[in-house]
C-alpha atoms as a PDB file:
ATOM      1  CA  MET A   1      97.174  10.693 -74.697  1.00  0.00           C
ATOM      2  CA  ILE A   2      94.709   8.860 -72.468  1.00  0.00           C
ATOM      3  CA  HIS A   3      94.585   5.085 -72.807  1.00  0.00           C
ATOM      4  CA  LEU A   4      91.862   2.883 -71.474  1.00  0.00           C
ATOM      5  CA  PRO A   5      92.940  -0.188 -69.546  1.00  0.00           C
ATOM      6  CA  PRO A   6      93.091  -3.352 -71.622  1.00  0.00           C
ATOM      7  CA  ILE A   7      89.961  -5.442 -71.830  1.00  0.00           C
ATOM      8  CA  PRO A   8      90.592  -8.823 -70.239  1.00  0.00           C
ATOM      9  CA  SER A   9      89.959 -12.037 -72.108  1.00  0.00           C
ATOM     10  CA  SER A  10      86.710 -13.903 -71.445  1.00  0.00           C
ATOM     11  CA  ASN A  11      88.341 -15.946 -68.683  1.00  0.00           C
ATOM     12  CA  GLY A  12      90.038 -12.867 -67.204  1.00  0.00           C
ATOM     13  CA  VAL A  13      86.771 -10.938 -66.891  1.00  0.00           C
ATOM     14  CA  HIS A  14      85.815 -13.142 -63.931  1.00  0.00           C
ATOM     15  CA  LEU A  15      87.705 -10.875 -61.544  1.00  0.00           C
ATOM     16  CA  LEU A  16      85.744  -7.841 -62.700  1.00  0.00           C
ATOM     17  CA  ILE A  17      82.348  -9.520 -62.570  1.00  0.00           C
ATOM     18  CA  VAL A  18      82.747 -11.012 -59.094  1.00  0.00           C
ATOM     19  CA  HIS A  19      83.545  -7.645 -57.584  1.00  0.00           C
ATOM     20  CA  ILE A  20      80.451  -6.126 -59.188  1.00  0.00           C
ATOM     21  CA  SER A  21      78.339  -8.957 -57.749  1.00  0.00           C
ATOM     22  CA  ILE A  22      79.771  -8.529 -54.284  1.00  0.00           C
ATOM     23  CA  VAL A  23      79.218  -4.776 -54.183  1.00  0.00           C
ATOM     24  CA  LEU A  24      75.670  -4.871 -55.534  1.00  0.00           C
ATOM     25  CA  LEU A  25      74.563  -7.722 -53.293  1.00  0.00           C
ATOM     26  CA  LEU A  26      76.069  -6.255 -50.134  1.00  0.00           C
ATOM     27  CA  ILE A  27      74.662  -2.756 -50.694  1.00  0.00           C
ATOM     28  CA  ALA A  28      71.109  -3.978 -51.409  1.00  0.00           C
ATOM     29  CA  PRO A  29      70.290  -5.035 -47.807  1.00  0.00           C
ATOM     30  CA  LEU A  30      71.421  -1.642 -46.554  1.00  0.00           C
ATOM     31  CA  LEU A  31      68.783  -0.040 -48.766  1.00  0.00           C
ATOM     32  CA  VAL A  32      66.186  -2.573 -47.573  1.00  0.00           C
ATOM     33  CA  SER A  33      67.058  -1.675 -43.972  1.00  0.00           C
ATOM     34  CA  VAL A  34      66.693   2.041 -44.637  1.00  0.00           C
ATOM     35  CA  GLY A  35      63.474   1.454 -46.569  1.00  0.00           C
ATOM     36  CA  ALA A  36      62.015  -0.588 -43.723  1.00  0.00           C
ATOM     37  CA  LEU A  37      62.468   2.369 -41.385  1.00  0.00           C
ATOM     38  CA  LEU A  38      60.907   5.022 -43.628  1.00  0.00           C
ATOM     39  CA  SER A  39      57.322   6.063 -44.255  1.00  0.00           C
ATOM     40  CA  ALA A  40      55.406   4.668 -47.247  1.00  0.00           C
ATOM     41  CA  PRO A  41      56.262   7.166 -50.011  1.00  0.00           C
ATOM     42  CA  LYS A  42      59.996   7.189 -49.318  1.00  0.00           C
ATOM     43  CA  ARG A  43      60.131   3.500 -48.406  1.00  0.00           C
ATOM     44  CA  ARG A  44      59.064   2.371 -51.877  1.00  0.00           C
ATOM     45  CA  ALA A  45      61.915   4.214 -53.611  1.00  0.00           C
ATOM     46  CA  PHE A  46      64.525   2.568 -51.378  1.00  0.00           C
ATOM     47  CA  LEU A  47      62.964  -0.872 -51.731  1.00  0.00           C
ATOM     48  CA  VAL A  48      62.674  -0.665 -55.519  1.00  0.00           C
ATOM     49  CA  THR A  49      66.291   0.490 -55.716  1.00  0.00           C
ATOM     50  CA  ALA A  50      67.320  -2.415 -53.475  1.00  0.00           C
ATOM     51  CA  PHE A  51      65.423  -4.798 -55.768  1.00  0.00           C
ATOM     52  CA  ILE A  52      67.192  -3.405 -58.844  1.00  0.00           C
ATOM     53  CA  LEU A  53      70.581  -3.884 -57.147  1.00  0.00           C
ATOM     54  CA  MET A  54      69.602  -7.429 -56.117  1.00  0.00           C
ATOM     55  CA  ALA A  55      68.463  -8.307 -59.616  1.00  0.00           C
ATOM     56  CA  LEU A  56      71.621  -6.891 -61.190  1.00  0.00           C
ATOM     57  CA  GLY A  57      73.797  -8.535 -58.531  1.00  0.00           C
ATOM     58  CA  THR A  58      72.080 -11.880 -58.957  1.00  0.00           C
ATOM     59  CA  GLY A  59      72.417 -11.641 -62.733  1.00  0.00           C
ATOM     60  CA  SER A  60      76.095 -10.858 -62.372  1.00  0.00           C
ATOM     61  CA  VAL A  61      76.504 -13.930 -60.122  1.00  0.00           C
ATOM     62  CA  PHE A  62      75.338 -16.063 -63.062  1.00  0.00           C
ATOM     63  CA  ILE A  63      77.915 -14.364 -65.292  1.00  0.00           C
ATOM     64  CA  ALA A  64      80.574 -14.778 -62.591  1.00  0.00           C
ATOM     65  CA  VAL A  65      79.891 -18.511 -62.350  1.00  0.00           C
ATOM     66  CA  GLU A  66      80.221 -18.924 -66.121  1.00  0.00           C
ATOM     67  CA  THR A  67      83.379 -16.808 -66.394  1.00  0.00           C
ATOM     68  CA  GLY A  68      84.760 -18.669 -63.380  1.00  0.00           C
ATOM     69  CA  LYS A  69      84.296 -21.961 -65.207  1.00  0.00           C
ATOM     70  CA  ALA A  70      86.265 -20.554 -68.151  1.00  0.00           C
ATOM     71  CA  ALA A  71      89.004 -19.238 -65.858  1.00  0.00           C
ATOM     72  CA  GLY A  72      89.169 -22.521 -63.922  1.00  0.00           C
ATOM     73  CA  LYS A  73      90.039 -24.444 -67.077  1.00  0.00           C
ATOM     74  CA  LEU A  74      93.328 -22.577 -67.319  1.00  0.00           C
ATOM     75  CA  LEU A  75      94.562 -23.374 -63.813  1.00  0.00           C
ATOM     76  CA  GLY A  76      97.340 -25.719 -62.879  1.00  0.00           C
ATOM     77  CA  SER A  77      96.546 -28.759 -60.839  1.00  0.00           C
ATOM     78  CA  THR A  78      98.044 -29.168 -57.397  1.00  0.00           C
ATOM     79  CA  PRO A  79      96.013 -30.973 -54.734  1.00  0.00           C
ATOM     80  CA  LEU A  80      95.608 -27.815 -52.642  1.00  0.00           C
ATOM     81  CA  LEU A  81      94.608 -25.743 -55.671  1.00  0.00           C
ATOM     82  CA  ARG A  82      92.039 -28.354 -56.727  1.00  0.00           C
ATOM     83  CA  ALA A  83      90.595 -28.507 -53.193  1.00  0.00           C
ATOM     84  CA  VAL A  84      90.272 -24.729 -52.826  1.00  0.00           C
ATOM     85  CA  LEU A  85      88.868 -24.385 -56.352  1.00  0.00           C
ATOM     86  CA  GLN A  86      86.316 -27.131 -55.694  1.00  0.00           C
ATOM     87  CA  GLN A  87      85.181 -25.425 -52.474  1.00  0.00           C
ATOM     88  CA  HIS A  88      84.981 -22.080 -54.315  1.00  0.00           C
ATOM     89  CA  ARG A  89      82.867 -23.647 -57.094  1.00  0.00           C
ATOM     90  CA  GLU A  90      80.491 -25.351 -54.660  1.00  0.00           C
ATOM     91  CA  LEU A  91      80.005 -22.165 -52.671  1.00  0.00           C
ATOM     92  CA  ALA A  92      79.473 -20.191 -55.890  1.00  0.00           C
ATOM     93  CA  GLY A  93      76.742 -22.607 -56.975  1.00  0.00           C
ATOM     94  CA  THR A  94      75.013 -22.346 -53.611  1.00  0.00           C
ATOM     95  CA  THR A  95      75.362 -18.561 -53.661  1.00  0.00           C
ATOM     96  CA  GLN A  96      73.787 -18.483 -57.112  1.00  0.00           C
ATOM     97  CA  VAL A  97      70.770 -20.507 -55.938  1.00  0.00           C
ATOM     98  CA  LEU A  98      70.384 -18.527 -52.707  1.00  0.00           C
ATOM     99  CA  PHE A  99      70.415 -15.128 -54.374  1.00  0.00           C
ATOM    100  CA  SER A 100      68.053 -16.304 -57.094  1.00  0.00           C
ATOM    101  CA  ALA A 101      65.601 -17.360 -54.390  1.00  0.00           C
ATOM    102  CA  LEU A 102      66.188 -14.216 -52.311  1.00  0.00           C
ATOM    103  CA  THR A 103      65.651 -11.930 -55.293  1.00  0.00           C
ATOM    104  CA  MET A 104      62.432 -13.725 -56.252  1.00  0.00           C
ATOM    105  CA  ALA A 105      61.224 -13.606 -52.634  1.00  0.00           C
ATOM    106  CA  PHE A 106      61.969  -9.894 -52.424  1.00  0.00           C
ATOM    107  CA  ALA A 107      60.171  -9.269 -55.724  1.00  0.00           C
ATOM    108  CA  SER A 108      57.166 -11.064 -54.234  1.00  0.00           C
ATOM    109  CA  LEU A 109      57.280  -8.922 -51.094  1.00  0.00           C
ATOM    110  CA  LEU A 110      57.574  -5.799 -53.173  1.00  0.00           C
ATOM    111  CA  PHE A 111      55.187  -6.399 -56.064  1.00  0.00           C
ATOM    112  CA  VAL A 112      52.562  -9.021 -55.114  1.00  0.00           C
ATOM    113  CA  PRO A 113      50.655  -6.777 -52.660  1.00  0.00           C
ATOM    114  CA  ARG A 114      50.468  -4.105 -55.340  1.00  0.00           C
ATOM    115  CA  LEU A 115      49.304  -6.570 -57.974  1.00  0.00           C
ATOM    116  CA  LEU A 116      46.609  -7.789 -55.591  1.00  0.00           C
ATOM    117  CA  ARG A 117      45.762  -4.184 -54.683  1.00  0.00           C
ATOM    118  CA  ARG A 118      46.256  -4.962 -51.002  1.00  0.00           C
ATOM    119  CA  GLU A 119      48.864  -2.898 -49.261  1.00  0.00           C
ATOM    120  CA  LEU A 120      50.371  -4.435 -46.149  1.00  0.00           C
ATOM    121  CA  GLY A 121      50.196  -2.606 -42.853  1.00  0.00           C
ATOM    122  CA  LEU A 122      53.304  -0.854 -41.604  1.00  0.00           C
ATOM    123  CA  GLY A 123      53.918  -3.455 -38.871  1.00  0.00           C
ATOM    124  CA  VAL A 124      53.418  -6.423 -41.196  1.00  0.00           C
ATOM    125  CA  ASN A 125      55.634  -4.857 -43.833  1.00  0.00           C
ATOM    126  CA  ALA A 126      58.398  -4.153 -41.295  1.00  0.00           C
ATOM    127  CA  ALA A 127      58.175  -7.704 -39.907  1.00  0.00           C
ATOM    128  CA  LEU A 128      58.357  -9.248 -43.389  1.00  0.00           C
ATOM    129  CA  LEU A 129      61.327  -7.066 -44.332  1.00  0.00           C
ATOM    130  CA  ALA A 130      63.095  -7.968 -41.062  1.00  0.00           C
ATOM    131  CA  ALA A 131      62.519 -11.686 -41.712  1.00  0.00           C
ATOM    132  CA  PHE A 132      63.748 -11.225 -45.281  1.00  0.00           C
ATOM    133  CA  LEU A 133      66.919  -9.535 -44.006  1.00  0.00           C
ATOM    134  CA  LEU A 134      67.577 -12.493 -41.690  1.00  0.00           C
ATOM    135  CA  PHE A 135      67.416 -14.844 -44.667  1.00  0.00           C
ATOM    136  CA  TYR A 136      69.495 -12.405 -46.711  1.00  0.00           C
ATOM    137  CA  THR A 137      72.199 -12.613 -44.052  1.00  0.00           C
ATOM    138  CA  THR A 138      72.588 -16.298 -44.923  1.00  0.00           C
ATOM    139  CA  GLY A 139      73.060 -15.398 -48.588  1.00  0.00           C
ATOM    140  CA  ALA A 140      75.548 -12.681 -47.681  1.00  0.00           C
ATOM    141  CA  LEU A 141      77.552 -15.137 -45.566  1.00  0.00           C
ATOM    142  CA  PHE A 142      77.722 -17.556 -48.494  1.00  0.00           C
ATOM    143  CA  LEU A 143      78.727 -14.690 -50.792  1.00  0.00           C
ATOM    144  CA  VAL A 144      81.519 -13.586 -48.466  1.00  0.00           C
ATOM    145  CA  ASN A 145      82.697 -17.168 -47.959  1.00  0.00           C
ATOM    146  CA  THR A 146      82.728 -17.721 -51.739  1.00  0.00           C
ATOM    147  CA  ALA A 147      84.772 -14.541 -52.113  1.00  0.00           C
ATOM    148  CA  HIS A 148      87.133 -15.722 -49.384  1.00  0.00           C
ATOM    149  CA  PHE A 149      87.916 -18.928 -51.267  1.00  0.00           C
ATOM    150  CA  GLY A 150      88.352 -16.940 -54.491  1.00  0.00           C
ATOM    151  CA  GLY A 151      90.714 -14.657 -52.597  1.00  0.00           C
ATOM    152  CA  ARG A 152      92.660 -17.679 -51.393  1.00  0.00           C
ATOM    153  CA  LEU A 153      93.093 -18.795 -54.989  1.00  0.00           C
ATOM    154  CA  VAL A 154      94.514 -15.408 -55.930  1.00  0.00           C
ATOM    155  CA  HIS A 155      96.441 -14.297 -52.853  1.00  0.00           C
ATOM    156  CA  GLU A 156      97.511 -17.565 -51.275  1.00  0.00           C
ATOM    157  CA  LEU A 157      97.900 -19.836 -54.298  1.00  0.00           C
ATOM    158  CA  GLY A 158      98.969 -17.218 -56.847  1.00  0.00           C
ATOM    159  CA  VAL A 159      96.244 -17.716 -59.453  1.00  0.00           C
ATOM    160  CA  LYS A 160      96.314 -14.791 -61.872  1.00  0.00           C
ATOM    161  CA  ALA A 161      93.916 -13.775 -64.611  1.00  0.00           C
ATOM    162  CA  PRO A 162      95.421 -13.293 -68.063  1.00  0.00           C
ATOM    163  CA  VAL A 163      95.079  -9.665 -69.146  1.00  0.00           C
ATOM    164  CA  ALA A 164      96.140  -8.236 -72.491  1.00  0.00           C
ATOM    165  CA  SER A 165      99.075  -5.858 -72.314  1.00  0.00           C
ATOM    166  CA  SER A 166      98.218  -2.171 -72.434  1.00  0.00           C
ATOM    167  CA  PRO A 167      99.433   0.122 -75.221  1.00  0.00           C
ATOM    168  CA  VAL A 168     101.456   2.079 -72.648  1.00  0.00           C
ATOM    169  CA  ALA A 169     103.248  -1.069 -71.443  1.00  0.00           C
ATOM    170  CA  THR A 170     103.887  -2.151 -75.037  1.00  0.00           C
ATOM    171  CA  ALA A 171     105.309   1.287 -75.954  1.00  0.00           C
ATOM    172  CA  ALA A 172     107.465   1.373 -72.817  1.00  0.00           C
ATOM    173  CA  SER A 173     108.947  -2.066 -73.572  1.00  0.00           C
ATOM    174  CA  GLY A 174     109.940  -0.932 -77.059  1.00  0.00           C
ATOM    175  CA  ASP A 175     107.636  -3.234 -79.026  1.00  0.00           C
END
């Protein structure tokens, strides 16, 4: 019989959400880069897809911050753990603000010209997308640094998320 993995508690879901955020937000600029290099009809599809990934990734950052707060309440309290957790929280807050701004800026680049019925020239569009990607690099660096401090909590300081036991583990233990 096939068993699904156990669903983590609300504070344990943080680990799942952060990985979704990271993947979505690091794939999006790749699609922007490809879109910037393509001709108009194909470009739009890549850029809209990048926007969707950014919006979903940014939304999941908000969820990650909230689930992180719940998970943080369950941690022990050593000075090193508090320091790393504080740095992780501060970076997460900054990451949240940066990606909110980046996603809104990208939406403006993508949709405002269409709303105004004024398409940008190929050179202007490429220059704006290149400038956007430079700013996006800052957001990506904050995202990676936030993930690094989260990784330190898990791998260096041994923080673990509580996960319900699976039916297979329960059956194997004789319960």
